[in-house]
Amino acid sequence: MKRITPTYIDLESISDLHDLVQYPRPRHPLISVIDHTDFYAKRPKEHSLYRFGFYTISCKKFEGLLHYGKSRYDFKEGSLLFTAPWQVIGTGPDVTVDEGWALFIHPDLLHGTNLGMKMHEYSFFQYEINEALHVSEEEKQILKDCINNIQREYNQRIDKHTQHVIVSNLELLLNYCNRFYDRQFYTRSKVNADVIQRFERLLKEYFNQPTLIEAGLPAVSYFATHLNLSAGYLSDLLQKFTGKTTQEHIHLELIEKAKSLLWNSEKSISEIAYDLGFEHPSHFAKLFKSKTGKTASEFRQLN
């Protein structure tokens, strides 16, 4: 079977995007809404991967394979998808879209605004496609109202109020998305409970190794990969249900392992630090003190 090499298409500006799909010149240089049926009908037909220099929010119902990073997903239902600037996303030539819209936001629009300073808080921009937000018809209409307000504003003559009004409506849209994601976490509580149990098992297994000298301290991505989730989604899920992020769970398990070694071995604190995967004992000492309120030596003397 012949392997198809994808073409990468980099789009740095909203104007570049409009040119690609044969749209008229954008009414605003930093934000635009495009009907998805137009986008997929007019995009290059060869297998392409896109890297947009802007944020995207897409609400669409389509059939076919969607590519995101190194993964492929087969979707047959309406979903809300998010990407941050320069993430890789693409479609095969067989994808068809029944309905939907896409909002494209250049980071320059948010420069100097409160929203720009807190965009990192909307962690769903780092989720994988299989962690898309599934919205009801009522929720889709709420989001479409926000989109209509944004379109209405940028279709008017741009003045000193334009940026503020657009960004305010954009922030409202993102806050609704936060609410709907919270709902989705809890409506999938059975599935999420299984994920949490699998994570806890993986965590225990990792730290049950005799030493971590070779393996090193685990990264959040290690557990996310084994659970087929993005690092951001896993941390948000754990935060919702346990009150702690993935990194906090890793540190807690690490400290419990450290306590056991301090109490049950004659090894020096430096040796214990190396056994736990730390290259520098001082890093272990700092973490242990921050999590327990005591130095490793003080803790050992308590036994």
C-alpha atoms as a PDB file:
ATOM      1  CA  MET A   1       0.000   0.000   0.000  1.00  0.00           C
ATOM      2  CA  LYS A   2       1.431   3.363  -1.029  1.00  0.00           C
ATOM      3  CA  ARG A   3       2.077   5.700   1.865  1.00  0.00           C
ATOM      4  CA  ILE A   4       0.768   9.245   1.413  1.00  0.00           C
ATOM      5  CA  THR A   5       3.088  11.987   2.607  1.00  0.00           C
ATOM      6  CA  PRO A   6       1.016  14.880   3.956  1.00  0.00           C
ATOM      7  CA  THR A   7       1.581  18.450   2.880  1.00  0.00           C
ATOM      8  CA  TYR A   8       2.033  21.024   5.653  1.00  0.00           C
ATOM      9  CA  ILE A   9       0.256  24.311   5.096  1.00  0.00           C
ATOM     10  CA  ASP A  10       1.295  27.168   7.407  1.00  0.00           C
ATOM     11  CA  LEU A  11      -1.128  30.060   7.747  1.00  0.00           C
ATOM     12  CA  GLU A  12       0.186  33.024   9.710  1.00  0.00           C
ATOM     13  CA  SER A  13      -2.670  35.477   9.261  1.00  0.00           C
ATOM     14  CA  ILE A  14      -6.439  35.574   8.927  1.00  0.00           C
ATOM     15  CA  SER A  15      -5.937  36.910   5.391  1.00  0.00           C
ATOM     16  CA  ASP A  16      -3.884  33.809   4.499  1.00  0.00           C
ATOM     17  CA  LEU A  17      -6.781  31.647   5.682  1.00  0.00           C
ATOM     18  CA  HIS A  18      -9.316  33.583   3.601  1.00  0.00           C
ATOM     19  CA  ASP A  19      -7.098  33.225   0.543  1.00  0.00           C
ATOM     20  CA  LEU A  20      -6.845  29.467   1.084  1.00  0.00           C
ATOM     21  CA  VAL A  21     -10.625  28.955   1.071  1.00  0.00           C
ATOM     22  CA  GLN A  22     -11.314  31.671  -1.517  1.00  0.00           C
ATOM     23  CA  TYR A  23     -13.122  33.921   0.932  1.00  0.00           C
ATOM     24  CA  PRO A  24     -13.389  37.698   0.462  1.00  0.00           C
ATOM     25  CA  ARG A  25     -10.936  39.912   2.300  1.00  0.00           C
ATOM     26  CA  PRO A  26     -11.600  39.643   6.074  1.00  0.00           C
ATOM     27  CA  ARG A  27     -13.652  42.441   7.595  1.00  0.00           C
ATOM     28  CA  HIS A  28     -11.297  42.422  10.603  1.00  0.00           C
ATOM     29  CA  PRO A  29      -7.603  41.495  10.244  1.00  0.00           C
ATOM     30  CA  LEU A  30      -7.409  39.587  13.544  1.00  0.00           C
ATOM     31  CA  ILE A  31     -10.654  37.621  13.841  1.00  0.00           C
ATOM     32  CA  SER A  32     -13.010  35.830  11.505  1.00  0.00           C
ATOM     33  CA  VAL A  33     -15.850  33.308  11.427  1.00  0.00           C
ATOM     34  CA  ILE A  34     -16.028  30.890   8.495  1.00  0.00           C
ATOM     35  CA  ASP A  35     -18.808  28.487   7.614  1.00  0.00           C
ATOM     36  CA  HIS A  36     -17.348  24.988   7.749  1.00  0.00           C
ATOM     37  CA  THR A  37     -19.187  23.727   4.711  1.00  0.00           C
ATOM     38  CA  ASP A  38     -17.372  26.410   2.690  1.00  0.00           C
ATOM     39  CA  PHE A  39     -14.022  25.633   4.303  1.00  0.00           C
ATOM     40  CA  TYR A  40     -14.127  21.923   3.519  1.00  0.00           C
ATOM     41  CA  ALA A  41     -15.556  22.424   0.046  1.00  0.00           C
ATOM     42  CA  LYS A  42     -12.832  24.887  -1.002  1.00  0.00           C
ATOM     43  CA  ARG A  43      -9.780  23.581   0.878  1.00  0.00           C
ATOM     44  CA  PRO A  44      -6.990  21.831  -1.080  1.00  0.00           C
ATOM     45  CA  LYS A  45      -8.164  18.306  -1.881  1.00  0.00           C
ATOM     46  CA  GLU A  46      -4.829  16.592  -1.303  1.00  0.00           C
ATOM     47  CA  HIS A  47      -4.112  15.229   2.171  1.00  0.00           C
ATOM     48  CA  SER A  48      -2.903  18.272   4.103  1.00  0.00           C
ATOM     49  CA  LEU A  49      -1.918  19.159   7.638  1.00  0.00           C
ATOM     50  CA  TYR A  50      -2.479  22.731   8.772  1.00  0.00           C
ATOM     51  CA  ARG A  51      -0.563  24.874  11.242  1.00  0.00           C
ATOM     52  CA  PHE A  52      -2.502  28.013  12.073  1.00  0.00           C
ATOM     53  CA  GLY A  53      -0.791  30.980  13.718  1.00  0.00           C
ATOM     54  CA  PHE A  54      -3.962  31.663  15.673  1.00  0.00           C
ATOM     55  CA  TYR A  55      -6.487  30.111  18.028  1.00  0.00           C
ATOM     56  CA  THR A  56      -9.341  28.140  16.499  1.00  0.00           C
ATOM     57  CA  ILE A  57     -12.710  27.146  17.905  1.00  0.00           C
ATOM     58  CA  SER A  58     -14.730  24.874  15.654  1.00  0.00           C
ATOM     59  CA  CYS A  59     -18.281  23.645  16.041  1.00  0.00           C
ATOM     60  CA  LYS A  60     -19.030  21.053  13.413  1.00  0.00           C
ATOM     61  CA  LYS A  61     -20.776  17.857  12.513  1.00  0.00           C
ATOM     62  CA  PHE A  62     -18.796  15.772  10.050  1.00  0.00           C
ATOM     63  CA  GLU A  63     -17.873  12.295   8.911  1.00  0.00           C
ATOM     64  CA  GLY A  64     -14.404  10.971   8.117  1.00  0.00           C
ATOM     65  CA  LEU A  65     -10.936  10.887   9.626  1.00  0.00           C
ATOM     66  CA  LEU A  66      -9.599  13.922  11.442  1.00  0.00           C
ATOM     67  CA  HIS A  67      -5.859  14.192  12.113  1.00  0.00           C
ATOM     68  CA  TYR A  68      -4.523  15.956  15.174  1.00  0.00           C
ATOM     69  CA  GLY A  69      -0.785  15.788  15.854  1.00  0.00           C
ATOM     70  CA  LYS A  70       0.171  12.120  15.382  1.00  0.00           C
ATOM     71  CA  SER A  71      -3.299  10.697  16.059  1.00  0.00           C
ATOM     72  CA  ARG A  72      -6.365  10.053  13.926  1.00  0.00           C
ATOM     73  CA  TYR A  73      -9.976  10.088  15.033  1.00  0.00           C
ATOM     74  CA  ASP A  74     -13.191   9.034  13.333  1.00  0.00           C
ATOM     75  CA  PHE A  75     -16.018  11.391  14.240  1.00  0.00           C
ATOM     76  CA  LYS A  76     -19.663  11.107  13.256  1.00  0.00           C
ATOM     77  CA  GLU A  77     -21.225  13.620  15.599  1.00  0.00           C
ATOM     78  CA  GLY A  78     -21.202  17.302  16.416  1.00  0.00           C
ATOM     79  CA  SER A  79     -18.251  18.446  18.501  1.00  0.00           C
ATOM     80  CA  LEU A  80     -16.583  21.616  19.671  1.00  0.00           C
ATOM     81  CA  LEU A  81     -12.853  21.517  18.978  1.00  0.00           C
ATOM     82  CA  PHE A  82     -10.114  23.901  20.148  1.00  0.00           C
ATOM     83  CA  THR A  83      -6.551  24.453  18.972  1.00  0.00           C
ATOM     84  CA  ALA A  84      -3.830  26.835  20.122  1.00  0.00           C
ATOM     85  CA  PRO A  85      -1.485  28.625  17.686  1.00  0.00           C
ATOM     86  CA  TRP A  86       0.775  26.339  15.617  1.00  0.00           C
ATOM     87  CA  GLN A  87      -0.771  23.065  16.690  1.00  0.00           C
ATOM     88  CA  VAL A  88      -0.977  20.571  13.826  1.00  0.00           C
ATOM     89  CA  ILE A  89      -4.436  19.663  12.594  1.00  0.00           C
ATOM     90  CA  GLY A  90      -5.670  18.289   9.314  1.00  0.00           C
ATOM     91  CA  THR A  91      -8.188  16.206   7.431  1.00  0.00           C
ATOM     92  CA  GLY A  92      -8.163  13.477   4.868  1.00  0.00           C
ATOM     93  CA  PRO A  93      -9.709  14.074   1.440  1.00  0.00           C
ATOM     94  CA  ASP A  94     -12.780  12.003   2.374  1.00  0.00           C
ATOM     95  CA  VAL A  95     -14.009  14.310   5.155  1.00  0.00           C
ATOM     96  CA  THR A  96     -17.429  15.852   4.658  1.00  0.00           C
ATOM     97  CA  VAL A  97     -19.018  18.457   6.909  1.00  0.00           C
ATOM     98  CA  ASP A  98     -22.788  18.686   7.282  1.00  0.00           C
ATOM     99  CA  GLU A  99     -22.862  21.901   9.269  1.00  0.00           C
ATOM    100  CA  GLY A 100     -20.825  24.127  11.559  1.00  0.00           C
ATOM    101  CA  TRP A 101     -18.697  27.211  12.003  1.00  0.00           C
ATOM    102  CA  ALA A 102     -15.113  28.007  12.901  1.00  0.00           C
ATOM    103  CA  LEU A 103     -13.853  31.023  14.807  1.00  0.00           C
ATOM    104  CA  PHE A 104     -10.250  32.086  14.171  1.00  0.00           C
ATOM    105  CA  ILE A 105      -8.572  34.473  16.651  1.00  0.00           C
ATOM    106  CA  HIS A 106      -5.127  35.921  16.074  1.00  0.00           C
ATOM    107  CA  PRO A 107      -3.139  36.370  19.337  1.00  0.00           C
ATOM    108  CA  ASP A 108      -2.545  40.034  18.445  1.00  0.00           C
ATOM    109  CA  LEU A 109      -6.245  40.715  19.038  1.00  0.00           C
ATOM    110  CA  LEU A 110      -5.758  39.762  22.701  1.00  0.00           C
ATOM    111  CA  HIS A 111      -2.538  41.700  23.234  1.00  0.00           C
ATOM    112  CA  GLY A 112      -2.792  43.987  26.264  1.00  0.00           C
ATOM    113  CA  THR A 113      -6.188  42.632  27.361  1.00  0.00           C
ATOM    114  CA  ASN A 114      -7.115  40.760  30.538  1.00  0.00           C
ATOM    115  CA  LEU A 115      -8.251  37.845  28.385  1.00  0.00           C
ATOM    116  CA  GLY A 116      -4.867  37.717  26.666  1.00  0.00           C
ATOM    117  CA  MET A 117      -3.126  37.352  30.028  1.00  0.00           C
ATOM    118  CA  LYS A 118      -5.322  34.425  31.073  1.00  0.00           C
ATOM    119  CA  MET A 119      -5.727  32.466  27.823  1.00  0.00           C
ATOM    120  CA  HIS A 120      -3.490  29.777  29.323  1.00  0.00           C
ATOM    121  CA  GLU A 121      -6.218  29.150  31.905  1.00  0.00           C
ATOM    122  CA  TYR A 122      -8.494  27.784  29.179  1.00  0.00           C
ATOM    123  CA  SER A 123      -6.658  24.487  29.146  1.00  0.00           C
ATOM    124  CA  PHE A 124      -9.013  22.889  26.615  1.00  0.00           C
ATOM    125  CA  PHE A 125      -6.945  24.564  23.882  1.00  0.00           C
ATOM    126  CA  GLN A 126      -4.334  21.893  24.683  1.00  0.00           C
ATOM    127  CA  TYR A 127      -6.711  18.923  24.680  1.00  0.00           C
ATOM    128  CA  GLU A 128      -6.670  16.218  22.038  1.00  0.00           C
ATOM    129  CA  ILE A 129      -9.428  15.888  19.463  1.00  0.00           C
ATOM    130  CA  ASN A 130     -10.854  12.798  21.173  1.00  0.00           C
ATOM    131  CA  GLU A 131     -11.399  15.032  24.229  1.00  0.00           C
ATOM    132  CA  ALA A 132     -13.618  17.398  22.262  1.00  0.00           C
ATOM    133  CA  LEU A 133     -16.515  19.158  23.939  1.00  0.00           C
ATOM    134  CA  HIS A 134     -19.842  17.596  22.964  1.00  0.00           C
ATOM    135  CA  VAL A 135     -22.607  20.169  23.195  1.00  0.00           C
ATOM    136  CA  SER A 136     -26.375  19.877  23.208  1.00  0.00           C
ATOM    137  CA  GLU A 137     -28.568  21.751  20.758  1.00  0.00           C
ATOM    138  CA  GLU A 138     -29.377  24.301  23.468  1.00  0.00           C
ATOM    139  CA  GLU A 139     -25.696  24.787  24.282  1.00  0.00           C
ATOM    140  CA  LYS A 140     -24.833  25.118  20.595  1.00  0.00           C
ATOM    141  CA  GLN A 141     -27.372  27.914  20.313  1.00  0.00           C
ATOM    142  CA  ILE A 142     -25.875  29.745  23.312  1.00  0.00           C
ATOM    143  CA  LEU A 143     -22.449  29.599  21.677  1.00  0.00           C
ATOM    144  CA  LYS A 144     -23.875  30.613  18.289  1.00  0.00           C
ATOM    145  CA  ASP A 145     -25.380  33.719  19.909  1.00  0.00           C
ATOM    146  CA  CYS A 146     -21.875  34.706  21.072  1.00  0.00           C
ATOM    147  CA  ILE A 147     -20.532  34.050  17.576  1.00  0.00           C
ATOM    148  CA  ASN A 148     -23.286  36.182  16.037  1.00  0.00           C
ATOM    149  CA  ASN A 149     -22.419  39.054  18.384  1.00  0.00           C
ATOM    150  CA  ILE A 150     -18.745  38.835  17.389  1.00  0.00           C
ATOM    151  CA  GLN A 151     -19.604  38.770  13.691  1.00  0.00           C
ATOM    152  CA  ARG A 152     -22.024  41.655  14.050  1.00  0.00           C
ATOM    153  CA  GLU A 153     -19.346  43.735  15.741  1.00  0.00           C
ATOM    154  CA  TYR A 154     -16.511  43.138  13.284  1.00  0.00           C
ATOM    155  CA  ASN A 155     -18.837  43.682  10.312  1.00  0.00           C
ATOM    156  CA  GLN A 156     -19.404  47.235  11.497  1.00  0.00           C
ATOM    157  CA  ARG A 157     -16.962  50.037  11.022  1.00  0.00           C
ATOM    158  CA  ILE A 158     -13.969  49.482  13.335  1.00  0.00           C
ATOM    159  CA  ASP A 159     -13.632  52.129  16.061  1.00  0.00           C
ATOM    160  CA  LYS A 160     -11.990  52.483  19.477  1.00  0.00           C
ATOM    161  CA  HIS A 161     -14.643  50.240  21.079  1.00  0.00           C
ATOM    162  CA  THR A 162     -14.405  47.373  18.604  1.00  0.00           C
ATOM    163  CA  GLN A 163     -11.623  45.390  20.272  1.00  0.00           C
ATOM    164  CA  HIS A 164     -13.190  45.642  23.738  1.00  0.00           C
ATOM    165  CA  VAL A 165     -16.633  44.524  22.541  1.00  0.00           C
ATOM    166  CA  ILE A 166     -15.243  41.612  20.507  1.00  0.00           C
ATOM    167  CA  VAL A 167     -12.930  40.428  23.300  1.00  0.00           C
ATOM    168  CA  SER A 168     -15.762  40.680  25.857  1.00  0.00           C
ATOM    169  CA  ASN A 169     -17.957  38.430  23.727  1.00  0.00           C
ATOM    170  CA  LEU A 170     -15.050  36.079  23.137  1.00  0.00           C
ATOM    171  CA  GLU A 171     -14.435  35.798  26.873  1.00  0.00           C
ATOM    172  CA  LEU A 172     -18.138  35.085  27.398  1.00  0.00           C
ATOM    173  CA  LEU A 173     -17.916  32.309  24.801  1.00  0.00           C
ATOM    174  CA  LEU A 174     -14.878  30.758  26.499  1.00  0.00           C
ATOM    175  CA  ASN A 175     -16.517  30.943  29.920  1.00  0.00           C
ATOM    176  CA  TYR A 176     -19.529  29.065  28.561  1.00  0.00           C
ATOM    177  CA  CYS A 177     -17.129  26.452  27.176  1.00  0.00           C
ATOM    178  CA  ASN A 178     -15.604  26.102  30.658  1.00  0.00           C
ATOM    179  CA  ARG A 179     -19.071  25.524  32.096  1.00  0.00           C
ATOM    180  CA  PHE A 180     -19.969  22.966  29.439  1.00  0.00           C
ATOM    181  CA  TYR A 181     -16.693  21.089  29.941  1.00  0.00           C
ATOM    182  CA  ASP A 182     -17.387  20.915  33.674  1.00  0.00           C
ATOM    183  CA  ARG A 183     -20.769  19.417  32.858  1.00  0.00           C
ATOM    184  CA  GLN A 184     -19.141  16.897  30.535  1.00  0.00           C
ATOM    185  CA  PHE A 185     -16.642  15.787  33.188  1.00  0.00           C
ATOM    186  CA  TYR A 186     -19.471  14.955  35.577  1.00  0.00           C
ATOM    187  CA  THR A 187     -21.871  13.396  33.070  1.00  0.00           C
ATOM    188  CA  ARG A 188     -19.059  10.990  32.209  1.00  0.00           C
ATOM    189  CA  SER A 189     -18.351  10.241  35.865  1.00  0.00           C
ATOM    190  CA  LYS A 190     -18.338   6.449  35.419  1.00  0.00           C
ATOM    191  CA  VAL A 191     -15.784   6.610  32.611  1.00  0.00           C
ATOM    192  CA  ASN A 192     -13.738   9.189  34.492  1.00  0.00           C
ATOM    193  CA  ALA A 193     -13.753   7.106  37.682  1.00  0.00           C
ATOM    194  CA  ASP A 194     -12.235   4.256  35.678  1.00  0.00           C
ATOM    195  CA  VAL A 195      -9.553   6.596  34.306  1.00  0.00           C
ATOM    196  CA  ILE A 196      -8.698   7.779  37.823  1.00  0.00           C
ATOM    197  CA  GLN A 197      -8.388   4.187  39.075  1.00  0.00           C
ATOM    198  CA  ARG A 198      -6.115   3.296  36.169  1.00  0.00           C
ATOM    199  CA  PHE A 199      -4.014   6.399  36.829  1.00  0.00           C
ATOM    200  CA  GLU A 200      -3.644   5.530  40.513  1.00  0.00           C
ATOM    201  CA  ARG A 201      -2.616   1.992  39.588  1.00  0.00           C
ATOM    202  CA  LEU A 202      -0.028   3.260  37.118  1.00  0.00           C
ATOM    203  CA  LEU A 203       1.286   5.687  39.726  1.00  0.00           C
ATOM    204  CA  LYS A 204       1.686   2.946  42.340  1.00  0.00           C
ATOM    205  CA  GLU A 205       3.350   0.615  39.843  1.00  0.00           C
ATOM    206  CA  TYR A 206       5.821   3.289  38.769  1.00  0.00           C
ATOM    207  CA  PHE A 207       6.948   4.106  42.294  1.00  0.00           C
ATOM    208  CA  ASN A 208       7.040   0.436  43.305  1.00  0.00           C
ATOM    209  CA  GLN A 209      10.190   0.006  41.213  1.00  0.00           C
ATOM    210  CA  PRO A 210      13.194  -0.781  43.456  1.00  0.00           C
ATOM    211  CA  THR A 211      14.862   2.442  42.346  1.00  0.00           C
ATOM    212  CA  LEU A 212      14.134   5.169  39.811  1.00  0.00           C
ATOM    213  CA  ILE A 213      17.781   5.744  38.904  1.00  0.00           C
ATOM    214  CA  GLU A 214      17.273   4.460  35.358  1.00  0.00           C
ATOM    215  CA  ALA A 215      13.631   5.409  34.849  1.00  0.00           C
ATOM    216  CA  GLY A 216      13.885   8.856  36.412  1.00  0.00           C
ATOM    217  CA  LEU A 217      11.019  10.861  37.843  1.00  0.00           C
ATOM    218  CA  PRO A 218       7.835  10.409  35.784  1.00  0.00           C
ATOM    219  CA  ALA A 219       6.493  13.268  33.715  1.00  0.00           C
ATOM    220  CA  VAL A 220       2.798  14.035  33.463  1.00  0.00           C
ATOM    221  CA  SER A 221       3.007  12.998  29.805  1.00  0.00           C
ATOM    222  CA  TYR A 222       4.049   9.466  30.846  1.00  0.00           C
ATOM    223  CA  PHE A 223       0.693   8.817  32.521  1.00  0.00           C
ATOM    224  CA  ALA A 224      -1.298  10.740  29.920  1.00  0.00           C
ATOM    225  CA  THR A 225       0.196   8.633  27.116  1.00  0.00           C
ATOM    226  CA  HIS A 226      -0.570   5.364  28.915  1.00  0.00           C
ATOM    227  CA  LEU A 227      -4.155   6.510  29.449  1.00  0.00           C
ATOM    228  CA  ASN A 228      -4.557   7.793  25.864  1.00  0.00           C
ATOM    229  CA  LEU A 229      -5.263  11.314  27.079  1.00  0.00           C
ATOM    230  CA  SER A 230      -3.600  14.665  26.681  1.00  0.00           C
ATOM    231  CA  ALA A 231      -1.632  15.908  29.691  1.00  0.00           C
ATOM    232  CA  GLY A 232      -3.962  18.877  30.082  1.00  0.00           C
ATOM    233  CA  TYR A 233      -7.142  16.807  30.026  1.00  0.00           C
ATOM    234  CA  LEU A 234      -5.768  14.319  32.565  1.00  0.00           C
ATOM    235  CA  SER A 235      -4.755  17.093  34.960  1.00  0.00           C
ATOM    236  CA  ASP A 236      -8.113  18.835  34.611  1.00  0.00           C
ATOM    237  CA  LEU A 237      -9.985  15.574  35.171  1.00  0.00           C
ATOM    238  CA  LEU A 238      -7.980  14.799  38.312  1.00  0.00           C
ATOM    239  CA  GLN A 239      -8.405  18.379  39.544  1.00  0.00           C
ATOM    240  CA  LYS A 240     -12.190  18.118  39.158  1.00  0.00           C
ATOM    241  CA  PHE A 241     -12.538  14.787  40.964  1.00  0.00           C
ATOM    242  CA  THR A 242      -9.661  14.758  43.473  1.00  0.00           C
ATOM    243  CA  GLY A 243      -8.800  18.424  43.923  1.00  0.00           C
ATOM    244  CA  LYS A 244      -5.202  17.787  42.821  1.00  0.00           C
ATOM    245  CA  THR A 245      -3.453  17.969  39.446  1.00  0.00           C
ATOM    246  CA  THR A 246      -1.421  15.119  37.951  1.00  0.00           C
ATOM    247  CA  GLN A 247       1.819  16.764  39.089  1.00  0.00           C
ATOM    248  CA  GLU A 248       0.520  17.069  42.643  1.00  0.00           C
ATOM    249  CA  HIS A 249      -0.402  13.363  42.669  1.00  0.00           C
ATOM    250  CA  ILE A 250       3.088  12.480  41.426  1.00  0.00           C
ATOM    251  CA  HIS A 251       4.692  14.572  44.156  1.00  0.00           C
ATOM    252  CA  LEU A 252       2.480  13.047  46.877  1.00  0.00           C
ATOM    253  CA  GLU A 253       3.371   9.509  45.800  1.00  0.00           C
ATOM    254  CA  LEU A 254       7.031  10.500  45.606  1.00  0.00           C
ATOM    255  CA  ILE A 255       6.973  11.874  49.138  1.00  0.00           C
ATOM    256  CA  GLU A 256       5.317   8.704  50.462  1.00  0.00           C
ATOM    257  CA  LYS A 257       8.064   6.622  48.828  1.00  0.00           C
ATOM    258  CA  ALA A 258      10.690   8.974  50.290  1.00  0.00           C
ATOM    259  CA  LYS A 259       9.212   8.654  53.791  1.00  0.00           C
ATOM    260  CA  SER A 260       9.333   4.869  53.551  1.00  0.00           C
ATOM    261  CA  LEU A 261      12.980   4.937  52.485  1.00  0.00           C
ATOM    262  CA  LEU A 262      13.906   7.407  55.215  1.00  0.00           C
ATOM    263  CA  TRP A 263      12.300   5.247  57.875  1.00  0.00           C
ATOM    264  CA  ASN A 264      13.237   1.789  56.611  1.00  0.00           C
ATOM    265  CA  SER A 265      16.759   2.099  55.236  1.00  0.00           C
ATOM    266  CA  GLU A 266      20.172   3.200  56.396  1.00  0.00           C
ATOM    267  CA  LYS A 267      20.940   4.970  53.134  1.00  0.00           C
ATOM    268  CA  SER A 268      22.057   8.571  53.202  1.00  0.00           C
ATOM    269  CA  ILE A 269      19.624  11.260  52.115  1.00  0.00           C
ATOM    270  CA  SER A 270      21.684  11.807  48.960  1.00  0.00           C
ATOM    271  CA  GLU A 271      21.497   8.092  48.119  1.00  0.00           C
ATOM    272  CA  ILE A 272      17.742   8.140  48.651  1.00  0.00           C
ATOM    273  CA  ALA A 273      17.446  11.173  46.381  1.00  0.00           C
ATOM    274  CA  TYR A 274      19.306   9.314  43.606  1.00  0.00           C
ATOM    275  CA  ASP A 275      17.167   6.206  44.137  1.00  0.00           C
ATOM    276  CA  LEU A 276      14.095   8.385  43.628  1.00  0.00           C
ATOM    277  CA  GLY A 277      15.370   9.616  40.295  1.00  0.00           C
ATOM    278  CA  PHE A 278      16.745  13.030  41.310  1.00  0.00           C
ATOM    279  CA  GLU A 279      19.933  14.082  39.572  1.00  0.00           C
ATOM    280  CA  HIS A 280      20.605  16.653  42.269  1.00  0.00           C
ATOM    281  CA  PRO A 281      19.891  15.847  45.959  1.00  0.00           C
ATOM    282  CA  SER A 282      19.248  19.528  46.616  1.00  0.00           C
ATOM    283  CA  HIS A 283      16.141  19.356  44.398  1.00  0.00           C
ATOM    284  CA  PHE A 284      14.824  16.454  46.461  1.00  0.00           C
ATOM    285  CA  ALA A 285      15.570  18.305  49.701  1.00  0.00           C
ATOM    286  CA  LYS A 286      13.692  21.386  48.514  1.00  0.00           C
ATOM    287  CA  LEU A 287      10.638  19.397  47.379  1.00  0.00           C
ATOM    288  CA  PHE A 288      10.520  17.306  50.568  1.00  0.00           C
ATOM    289  CA  LYS A 289      10.649  20.405  52.770  1.00  0.00           C
ATOM    290  CA  SER A 290       7.945  22.149  50.737  1.00  0.00           C
ATOM    291  CA  LYS A 291       5.582  19.176  50.957  1.00  0.00           C
ATOM    292  CA  THR A 292       6.151  18.105  54.573  1.00  0.00           C
ATOM    293  CA  GLY A 293       7.324  21.249  56.336  1.00  0.00           C
ATOM    294  CA  LYS A 294      10.398  19.373  57.583  1.00  0.00           C
ATOM    295  CA  THR A 295      13.801  18.544  56.158  1.00  0.00           C
ATOM    296  CA  ALA A 296      14.491  14.902  55.322  1.00  0.00           C
ATOM    297  CA  SER A 297      16.901  14.734  58.295  1.00  0.00           C
ATOM    298  CA  GLU A 298      14.295  16.142  60.689  1.00  0.00           C
ATOM    299  CA  PHE A 299      11.707  13.705  59.404  1.00  0.00           C
ATOM    300  CA  ARG A 300      14.083  10.714  59.834  1.00  0.00           C
ATOM    301  CA  GLN A 301      14.750  11.702  63.439  1.00  0.00           C
ATOM    302  CA  LEU A 302      11.021  11.506  64.202  1.00  0.00           C
ATOM    303  CA  ASN A 303      11.056   7.762  63.731  1.00  0.00           C
END
